[in-house]
Amino acid sequence: MILSGNLEFRAELKADLWDQLAEIFRNSPMSGRADADLKAAFENSTIKCFAFSKGKLIGCGRALSDEVYQAVLYDIVVHQDFRNSGIGTAIVKHLLDSIKAKNIILYAVPGVEAFYGTLGFKKLKTAMGYFRSELGDAHKGYLEP
């Protein structure tokens, strides 16, 4: 648990808060995920960050890492009432500080490149994706034609 002003970061989420996390995702650009899949994705991640303000869950992020060369950030999301207040920045910085790997890649929704650019991320020339399932519009904006 790390405190930063009124913001508290936790690496684990109590069982009774998973519904709140799912609701935050439903009200974000990352909606459409099954609650059980979302929970499994976080539980299987190397590094997890759940952000709280005055005891209320307000955001999260997660990472996968080999802890040597590579790490990938996923699912940075902030409750709609707390967006554009620096919470997303704090979550990303907390994740970056928690990762030991030399290289960190970010997987994010289209349209937020400028935000992540302010945190030092740059576009990759060689990143590619291979999707095992047809998610229809879920991949819209993520893939080059």
N, C-alpha and C. Protein backbone atom coordinates (compact mmCIF):
# COMPACT_ATOMS: atom_id res chain seq x y z
N MET A 1 0.85 -1.18 0.00
CA MET A 1 0.00 0.00 0.00
C MET A 1 0.89 1.24 0.00
N ILE A 2 0.69 2.15 -0.95
CA ILE A 2 1.49 3.36 -1.05
C ILE A 2 0.56 4.56 -1.03
N LEU A 3 0.85 5.52 -0.20
CA LEU A 3 0.02 6.71 -0.12
C LEU A 3 0.69 7.87 -0.84
N SER A 4 -0.10 8.62 -1.59
CA SER A 4 0.40 9.79 -2.30
C SER A 4 -0.70 10.85 -2.21
N GLY A 5 -0.59 11.76 -1.26
CA GLY A 5 -1.67 12.72 -1.04
C GLY A 5 -2.91 11.98 -0.59
N ASN A 6 -4.02 12.20 -1.26
CA ASN A 6 -5.26 11.49 -0.95
C ASN A 6 -5.39 10.20 -1.73
N LEU A 7 -4.38 9.83 -2.49
CA LEU A 7 -4.43 8.66 -3.34
C LEU A 7 -3.71 7.50 -2.66
N GLU A 8 -4.36 6.34 -2.65
CA GLU A 8 -3.77 5.13 -2.07
C GLU A 8 -3.72 4.07 -3.16
N PHE A 9 -2.57 3.41 -3.30
CA PHE A 9 -2.41 2.33 -4.27
C PHE A 9 -2.35 0.99 -3.54
N ARG A 10 -3.09 0.02 -4.05
CA ARG A 10 -3.05 -1.33 -3.51
C ARG A 10 -2.77 -2.30 -4.65
N ALA A 11 -2.05 -3.37 -4.32
CA ALA A 11 -1.70 -4.39 -5.33
C ALA A 11 -2.78 -5.47 -5.43
N GLU A 12 -3.67 -5.54 -4.48
CA GLU A 12 -4.73 -6.55 -4.49
C GLU A 12 -6.08 -5.85 -4.29
N LEU A 13 -7.11 -6.53 -4.75
CA LEU A 13 -8.47 -5.99 -4.64
C LEU A 13 -9.32 -6.98 -3.87
N LYS A 14 -10.00 -6.50 -2.84
CA LYS A 14 -10.88 -7.37 -2.04
C LYS A 14 -12.00 -7.90 -2.92
N ALA A 15 -12.45 -9.10 -2.60
CA ALA A 15 -13.46 -9.80 -3.41
C ALA A 15 -14.73 -8.97 -3.62
N ASP A 16 -15.13 -8.19 -2.64
CA ASP A 16 -16.38 -7.43 -2.76
C ASP A 16 -16.24 -6.18 -3.63
N LEU A 17 -15.04 -5.90 -4.14
CA LEU A 17 -14.84 -4.70 -4.96
C LEU A 17 -14.74 -4.99 -6.46
N TRP A 18 -14.76 -6.27 -6.86
CA TRP A 18 -14.64 -6.58 -8.28
C TRP A 18 -15.82 -6.04 -9.08
N ASP A 19 -17.00 -6.02 -8.50
CA ASP A 19 -18.16 -5.45 -9.20
C ASP A 19 -17.96 -3.96 -9.45
N GLN A 20 -17.36 -3.26 -8.50
CA GLN A 20 -17.08 -1.83 -8.69
C GLN A 20 -16.08 -1.62 -9.81
N LEU A 21 -15.07 -2.47 -9.87
CA LEU A 21 -14.08 -2.35 -10.94
C LEU A 21 -14.74 -2.59 -12.29
N ALA A 22 -15.57 -3.62 -12.37
CA ALA A 22 -16.28 -3.91 -13.62
C ALA A 22 -17.14 -2.73 -14.04
N GLU A 23 -17.75 -2.05 -13.09
CA GLU A 23 -18.58 -0.88 -13.40
C GLU A 23 -17.73 0.27 -13.94
N ILE A 24 -16.55 0.46 -13.38
CA ILE A 24 -15.64 1.49 -13.90
C ILE A 24 -15.31 1.20 -15.36
N PHE A 25 -15.04 -0.06 -15.68
CA PHE A 25 -14.74 -0.44 -17.06
C PHE A 25 -15.95 -0.25 -17.97
N ARG A 26 -17.15 -0.59 -17.48
CA ARG A 26 -18.36 -0.43 -18.30
C ARG A 26 -18.59 1.03 -18.69
N ASN A 27 -18.13 1.96 -17.85
CA ASN A 27 -18.30 3.39 -18.12
C ASN A 27 -17.04 4.02 -18.67
N SER A 28 -16.28 3.23 -19.41
CA SER A 28 -15.03 3.72 -19.99
C SER A 28 -14.96 3.29 -21.45
N PRO A 29 -13.96 3.78 -22.18
CA PRO A 29 -13.78 3.33 -23.56
C PRO A 29 -13.44 1.84 -23.67
N MET A 30 -13.19 1.18 -22.55
CA MET A 30 -12.85 -0.25 -22.55
C MET A 30 -14.04 -1.11 -22.13
N SER A 31 -15.24 -0.63 -22.38
CA SER A 31 -16.43 -1.39 -22.00
C SER A 31 -16.57 -2.64 -22.86
N GLY A 32 -17.45 -3.53 -22.47
CA GLY A 32 -17.70 -4.72 -23.25
C GLY A 32 -16.95 -5.95 -22.79
N ARG A 33 -16.27 -5.87 -21.69
CA ARG A 33 -15.54 -7.03 -21.18
C ARG A 33 -16.40 -7.81 -20.20
N ALA A 34 -16.30 -9.11 -20.25
CA ALA A 34 -17.01 -9.95 -19.28
C ALA A 34 -16.36 -9.78 -17.91
N ASP A 35 -17.17 -9.64 -16.88
CA ASP A 35 -16.66 -9.41 -15.53
C ASP A 35 -15.66 -10.49 -15.09
N ALA A 36 -15.98 -11.75 -15.37
CA ALA A 36 -15.10 -12.85 -14.96
C ALA A 36 -13.76 -12.79 -15.70
N ASP A 37 -13.78 -12.41 -16.98
CA ASP A 37 -12.54 -12.29 -17.75
C ASP A 37 -11.68 -11.14 -17.22
N LEU A 38 -12.31 -10.04 -16.88
CA LEU A 38 -11.60 -8.89 -16.33
C LEU A 38 -10.90 -9.28 -15.03
N LYS A 39 -11.61 -9.95 -14.16
CA LYS A 39 -11.04 -10.39 -12.88
C LYS A 39 -9.87 -11.34 -13.13
N ALA A 40 -10.04 -12.30 -14.03
CA ALA A 40 -8.97 -13.26 -14.34
C ALA A 40 -7.74 -12.55 -14.92
N ALA A 41 -7.96 -11.58 -15.79
CA ALA A 41 -6.84 -10.85 -16.39
C ALA A 41 -6.01 -10.15 -15.32
N PHE A 42 -6.68 -9.50 -14.37
CA PHE A 42 -5.95 -8.82 -13.29
C PHE A 42 -5.26 -9.84 -12.38
N GLU A 43 -5.96 -10.90 -12.03
CA GLU A 43 -5.37 -11.89 -11.13
C GLU A 43 -4.15 -12.56 -11.74
N ASN A 44 -4.11 -12.68 -13.06
CA ASN A 44 -2.99 -13.33 -13.74
C ASN A 44 -1.86 -12.36 -14.11
N SER A 45 -1.99 -11.10 -13.76
CA SER A 45 -0.99 -10.10 -14.11
C SER A 45 0.15 -10.07 -13.10
N THR A 46 1.33 -9.74 -13.59
CA THR A 46 2.52 -9.66 -12.75
C THR A 46 2.41 -8.53 -11.73
N ILE A 47 1.96 -7.37 -12.20
CA ILE A 47 1.86 -6.18 -11.36
C ILE A 47 0.46 -5.61 -11.51
N LYS A 48 -0.14 -5.28 -10.37
CA LYS A 48 -1.48 -4.70 -10.37
C LYS A 48 -1.46 -3.43 -9.55
N CYS A 49 -2.26 -2.47 -9.96
CA CYS A 49 -2.37 -1.21 -9.23
C CYS A 49 -3.84 -0.83 -9.18
N PHE A 50 -4.38 -0.78 -7.97
CA PHE A 50 -5.76 -0.33 -7.76
C PHE A 50 -5.67 0.97 -6.98
N ALA A 51 -6.27 2.03 -7.52
CA ALA A 51 -6.19 3.36 -6.92
C ALA A 51 -7.46 3.66 -6.13
N PHE A 52 -7.26 4.18 -4.93
CA PHE A 52 -8.36 4.54 -4.05
C PHE A 52 -8.21 5.99 -3.60
N SER A 53 -9.32 6.67 -3.46
CA SER A 53 -9.36 8.01 -2.89
C SER A 53 -10.39 7.99 -1.76
N LYS A 54 -9.93 8.27 -0.56
CA LYS A 54 -10.80 8.25 0.62
C LYS A 54 -11.55 6.93 0.73
N GLY A 55 -10.86 5.84 0.42
CA GLY A 55 -11.43 4.50 0.54
C GLY A 55 -12.26 4.04 -0.64
N LYS A 56 -12.46 4.91 -1.65
CA LYS A 56 -13.28 4.55 -2.81
C LYS A 56 -12.37 4.14 -3.97
N LEU A 57 -12.70 3.00 -4.61
CA LEU A 57 -11.97 2.55 -5.79
C LEU A 57 -12.24 3.51 -6.94
N ILE A 58 -11.17 4.10 -7.50
CA ILE A 58 -11.36 5.11 -8.55
C ILE A 58 -10.57 4.83 -9.82
N GLY A 59 -9.74 3.79 -9.82
CA GLY A 59 -8.98 3.50 -11.02
C GLY A 59 -8.07 2.31 -10.84
N CYS A 60 -7.42 1.94 -11.96
CA CYS A 60 -6.54 0.77 -11.91
C CYS A 60 -5.62 0.74 -13.12
N GLY A 61 -4.73 -0.21 -13.09
CA GLY A 61 -3.85 -0.52 -14.20
C GLY A 61 -3.15 -1.82 -13.87
N ARG A 62 -2.58 -2.45 -14.88
CA ARG A 62 -1.89 -3.71 -14.65
C ARG A 62 -0.75 -3.85 -15.64
N ALA A 63 0.17 -4.78 -15.35
CA ALA A 63 1.30 -5.04 -16.23
C ALA A 63 1.64 -6.52 -16.23
N LEU A 64 2.17 -6.96 -17.36
CA LEU A 64 2.78 -8.28 -17.49
C LEU A 64 4.26 -8.03 -17.74
N SER A 65 5.11 -8.85 -17.12
CA SER A 65 6.53 -8.61 -17.27
C SER A 65 7.35 -9.87 -17.05
N ASP A 66 8.49 -9.96 -17.78
CA ASP A 66 9.46 -11.01 -17.48
C ASP A 66 10.44 -10.52 -16.42
N GLU A 67 10.30 -9.27 -16.01
CA GLU A 67 11.11 -8.62 -14.97
C GLU A 67 12.59 -8.47 -15.34
N VAL A 68 12.92 -8.70 -16.62
CA VAL A 68 14.29 -8.50 -17.07
C VAL A 68 14.29 -7.56 -18.28
N TYR A 69 13.71 -8.03 -19.39
CA TYR A 69 13.75 -7.27 -20.62
C TYR A 69 12.45 -6.52 -20.93
N GLN A 70 11.32 -7.21 -20.83
CA GLN A 70 10.08 -6.64 -21.36
C GLN A 70 8.95 -6.59 -20.33
N ALA A 71 8.14 -5.56 -20.46
CA ALA A 71 6.89 -5.43 -19.70
C ALA A 71 5.88 -4.73 -20.60
N VAL A 72 4.62 -4.99 -20.35
CA VAL A 72 3.54 -4.36 -21.11
C VAL A 72 2.50 -3.84 -20.12
N LEU A 73 2.10 -2.60 -20.29
CA LEU A 73 1.03 -2.01 -19.47
C LEU A 73 -0.30 -2.21 -20.16
N TYR A 74 -1.33 -2.53 -19.36
CA TYR A 74 -2.68 -2.71 -19.86
C TYR A 74 -3.69 -2.07 -18.91
N ASP A 75 -4.87 -1.82 -19.44
CA ASP A 75 -6.06 -1.51 -18.64
C ASP A 75 -5.89 -0.36 -17.66
N ILE A 76 -5.28 0.72 -18.12
CA ILE A 76 -5.22 1.93 -17.30
C ILE A 76 -6.59 2.59 -17.46
N VAL A 77 -7.33 2.65 -16.39
CA VAL A 77 -8.67 3.22 -16.46
C VAL A 77 -8.98 3.96 -15.15
N VAL A 78 -9.71 5.07 -15.30
CA VAL A 78 -10.07 5.91 -14.16
C VAL A 78 -11.58 6.09 -14.15
N HIS A 79 -12.17 6.04 -12.97
CA HIS A 79 -13.61 6.27 -12.80
C HIS A 79 -13.98 7.59 -13.48
N GLN A 80 -15.12 7.60 -14.15
CA GLN A 80 -15.53 8.77 -14.94
C GLN A 80 -15.57 10.06 -14.13
N ASP A 81 -15.85 10.00 -12.84
CA ASP A 81 -15.92 11.21 -12.01
C ASP A 81 -14.55 11.75 -11.64
N PHE A 82 -13.48 10.98 -11.92
CA PHE A 82 -12.14 11.38 -11.52
C PHE A 82 -11.19 11.57 -12.70
N ARG A 83 -11.72 11.47 -13.92
CA ARG A 83 -10.86 11.63 -15.09
C ARG A 83 -10.38 13.06 -15.22
N ASN A 84 -9.22 13.21 -15.86
CA ASN A 84 -8.59 14.52 -16.08
C ASN A 84 -8.24 15.23 -14.77
N SER A 85 -7.89 14.43 -13.76
CA SER A 85 -7.50 15.02 -12.48
C SER A 85 -6.12 14.56 -12.03
N GLY A 86 -5.39 13.88 -12.93
CA GLY A 86 -4.04 13.41 -12.60
C GLY A 86 -3.99 11.99 -12.06
N ILE A 87 -5.15 11.35 -11.89
CA ILE A 87 -5.18 9.99 -11.36
C ILE A 87 -4.54 9.01 -12.34
N GLY A 88 -4.87 9.11 -13.63
CA GLY A 88 -4.29 8.23 -14.64
C GLY A 88 -2.78 8.37 -14.68
N THR A 89 -2.29 9.59 -14.61
CA THR A 89 -0.85 9.83 -14.57
C THR A 89 -0.22 9.16 -13.36
N ALA A 90 -0.86 9.30 -12.21
CA ALA A 90 -0.33 8.70 -10.98
C ALA A 90 -0.30 7.18 -11.08
N ILE A 91 -1.34 6.58 -11.68
CA ILE A 91 -1.38 5.12 -11.84
C ILE A 91 -0.25 4.67 -12.75
N VAL A 92 -0.06 5.34 -13.88
CA VAL A 92 1.01 4.96 -14.81
C VAL A 92 2.37 5.09 -14.14
N LYS A 93 2.61 6.19 -13.45
CA LYS A 93 3.90 6.38 -12.78
C LYS A 93 4.13 5.31 -11.72
N HIS A 94 3.07 4.95 -11.00
CA HIS A 94 3.20 3.89 -9.99
C HIS A 94 3.57 2.56 -10.65
N LEU A 95 2.91 2.23 -11.75
CA LEU A 95 3.24 1.00 -12.47
C LEU A 95 4.68 1.03 -12.99
N LEU A 96 5.08 2.16 -13.60
CA LEU A 96 6.45 2.27 -14.11
C LEU A 96 7.47 2.09 -13.00
N ASP A 97 7.19 2.66 -11.84
CA ASP A 97 8.11 2.51 -10.70
C ASP A 97 8.16 1.08 -10.17
N SER A 98 7.11 0.31 -10.41
CA SER A 98 7.03 -1.07 -9.92
C SER A 98 7.65 -2.09 -10.85
N ILE A 99 7.94 -1.68 -12.08
CA ILE A 99 8.45 -2.60 -13.09
C ILE A 99 9.97 -2.57 -13.11
N LYS A 100 10.58 -3.76 -13.13
CA LYS A 100 12.04 -3.88 -13.17
C LYS A 100 12.58 -4.01 -14.59
N ALA A 101 11.74 -4.39 -15.54
CA ALA A 101 12.18 -4.65 -16.91
C ALA A 101 12.76 -3.39 -17.57
N LYS A 102 13.64 -3.61 -18.52
CA LYS A 102 14.30 -2.52 -19.24
C LYS A 102 13.39 -1.81 -20.23
N ASN A 103 12.51 -2.55 -20.90
CA ASN A 103 11.64 -1.98 -21.93
C ASN A 103 10.18 -2.13 -21.51
N ILE A 104 9.42 -1.07 -21.69
CA ILE A 104 8.01 -1.10 -21.31
C ILE A 104 7.17 -0.65 -22.49
N ILE A 105 6.25 -1.51 -22.86
CA ILE A 105 5.33 -1.25 -23.98
C ILE A 105 3.95 -0.98 -23.38
N LEU A 106 3.17 -0.21 -24.07
CA LEU A 106 1.84 0.16 -23.59
C LEU A 106 0.79 -0.26 -24.61
N TYR A 107 -0.27 -0.86 -24.13
CA TYR A 107 -1.41 -1.21 -24.98
C TYR A 107 -2.57 -0.36 -24.48
N ALA A 108 -3.06 0.54 -25.34
CA ALA A 108 -4.08 1.50 -24.91
C ALA A 108 -5.13 1.70 -25.99
N VAL A 109 -6.25 2.29 -25.58
CA VAL A 109 -7.31 2.58 -26.54
C VAL A 109 -6.84 3.66 -27.51
N PRO A 110 -7.30 3.61 -28.75
CA PRO A 110 -6.93 4.64 -29.73
C PRO A 110 -7.39 6.02 -29.26
N GLY A 111 -6.58 7.01 -29.56
CA GLY A 111 -6.93 8.39 -29.24
C GLY A 111 -6.27 8.95 -28.00
N VAL A 112 -5.53 8.13 -27.28
CA VAL A 112 -4.89 8.61 -26.05
C VAL A 112 -3.37 8.71 -26.18
N GLU A 113 -2.89 8.66 -27.42
CA GLU A 113 -1.45 8.69 -27.65
C GLU A 113 -0.80 9.96 -27.10
N ALA A 114 -1.45 11.09 -27.23
CA ALA A 114 -0.87 12.35 -26.73
C ALA A 114 -0.69 12.31 -25.22
N PHE A 115 -1.68 11.77 -24.51
CA PHE A 115 -1.57 11.65 -23.05
C PHE A 115 -0.34 10.82 -22.68
N TYR A 116 -0.20 9.64 -23.29
CA TYR A 116 0.93 8.79 -22.94
C TYR A 116 2.25 9.38 -23.42
N GLY A 117 2.22 10.19 -24.47
CA GLY A 117 3.41 10.89 -24.92
C GLY A 117 3.96 11.82 -23.84
N THR A 118 3.07 12.44 -23.06
CA THR A 118 3.51 13.33 -21.99
C THR A 118 4.23 12.56 -20.88
N LEU A 119 4.03 11.24 -20.85
CA LEU A 119 4.68 10.41 -19.84
C LEU A 119 5.93 9.70 -20.38
N GLY A 120 6.33 10.06 -21.61
CA GLY A 120 7.56 9.53 -22.19
C GLY A 120 7.40 8.36 -23.14
N PHE A 121 6.17 7.93 -23.39
CA PHE A 121 5.94 6.83 -24.34
C PHE A 121 6.05 7.35 -25.76
N LYS A 122 6.57 6.51 -26.65
CA LYS A 122 6.69 6.86 -28.06
C LYS A 122 6.07 5.74 -28.89
N LYS A 123 5.57 6.10 -30.09
CA LYS A 123 4.99 5.10 -30.97
C LYS A 123 6.06 4.14 -31.45
N LEU A 124 5.69 2.87 -31.56
CA LEU A 124 6.60 1.85 -32.07
C LEU A 124 6.40 1.67 -33.57
N LYS A 125 7.46 1.40 -34.27
CA LYS A 125 7.36 1.15 -35.71
C LYS A 125 7.09 -0.31 -36.03
N THR A 126 7.39 -1.21 -35.11
CA THR A 126 7.32 -2.63 -35.43
C THR A 126 6.26 -3.40 -34.64
N ALA A 127 5.46 -2.75 -33.84
CA ALA A 127 4.45 -3.47 -33.06
C ALA A 127 3.36 -3.99 -33.99
N MET A 128 2.94 -5.22 -33.72
CA MET A 128 1.89 -5.85 -34.51
C MET A 128 0.98 -6.61 -33.56
N GLY A 129 -0.22 -6.93 -34.03
CA GLY A 129 -1.14 -7.68 -33.19
C GLY A 129 -1.68 -8.90 -33.91
N TYR A 130 -1.91 -9.95 -33.16
CA TYR A 130 -2.52 -11.17 -33.67
C TYR A 130 -3.67 -11.49 -32.74
N PHE A 131 -4.88 -11.39 -33.23
CA PHE A 131 -6.06 -11.59 -32.40
C PHE A 131 -6.70 -12.93 -32.71
N ARG A 132 -6.87 -13.75 -31.70
CA ARG A 132 -7.42 -15.10 -31.87
C ARG A 132 -8.92 -15.12 -32.02
N SER A 133 -9.60 -14.08 -31.59
CA SER A 133 -11.06 -14.07 -31.69
C SER A 133 -11.52 -12.89 -32.54
N GLU A 134 -12.64 -13.07 -33.18
CA GLU A 134 -13.27 -11.99 -33.94
C GLU A 134 -14.14 -11.20 -32.98
N LEU A 135 -13.72 -10.02 -32.65
CA LEU A 135 -14.48 -9.21 -31.72
C LEU A 135 -15.24 -8.09 -32.42
N GLY A 136 -15.29 -8.12 -33.72
CA GLY A 136 -16.04 -7.10 -34.45
C GLY A 136 -15.51 -5.71 -34.17
N ASP A 137 -16.39 -4.83 -33.73
CA ASP A 137 -16.02 -3.44 -33.48
C ASP A 137 -15.05 -3.27 -32.31
N ALA A 138 -14.87 -4.31 -31.50
CA ALA A 138 -13.95 -4.19 -30.36
C ALA A 138 -12.54 -3.87 -30.81
N HIS A 139 -12.16 -4.30 -32.03
CA HIS A 139 -10.81 -4.01 -32.54
C HIS A 139 -10.78 -2.78 -33.43
N LYS A 140 -11.92 -2.13 -33.62
CA LYS A 140 -12.00 -0.95 -34.47
C LYS A 140 -11.07 0.15 -33.92
N GLY A 141 -10.23 0.65 -34.77
CA GLY A 141 -9.30 1.69 -34.35
C GLY A 141 -7.97 1.18 -33.84
N TYR A 142 -7.88 -0.10 -33.55
CA TYR A 142 -6.64 -0.68 -33.04
C TYR A 142 -5.75 -1.19 -34.15
N LEU A 143 -6.36 -1.64 -35.25
CA LEU A 143 -5.61 -2.30 -36.31
C LEU A 143 -5.52 -1.43 -37.56
N GLU A 144 -4.36 -1.49 -38.19
CA GLU A 144 -4.19 -0.82 -39.49
C GLU A 144 -5.02 -1.59 -40.52
N PRO A 145 -5.56 -0.91 -41.53
CA PRO A 145 -6.33 -1.63 -42.55
C PRO A 145 -5.48 -2.61 -43.35
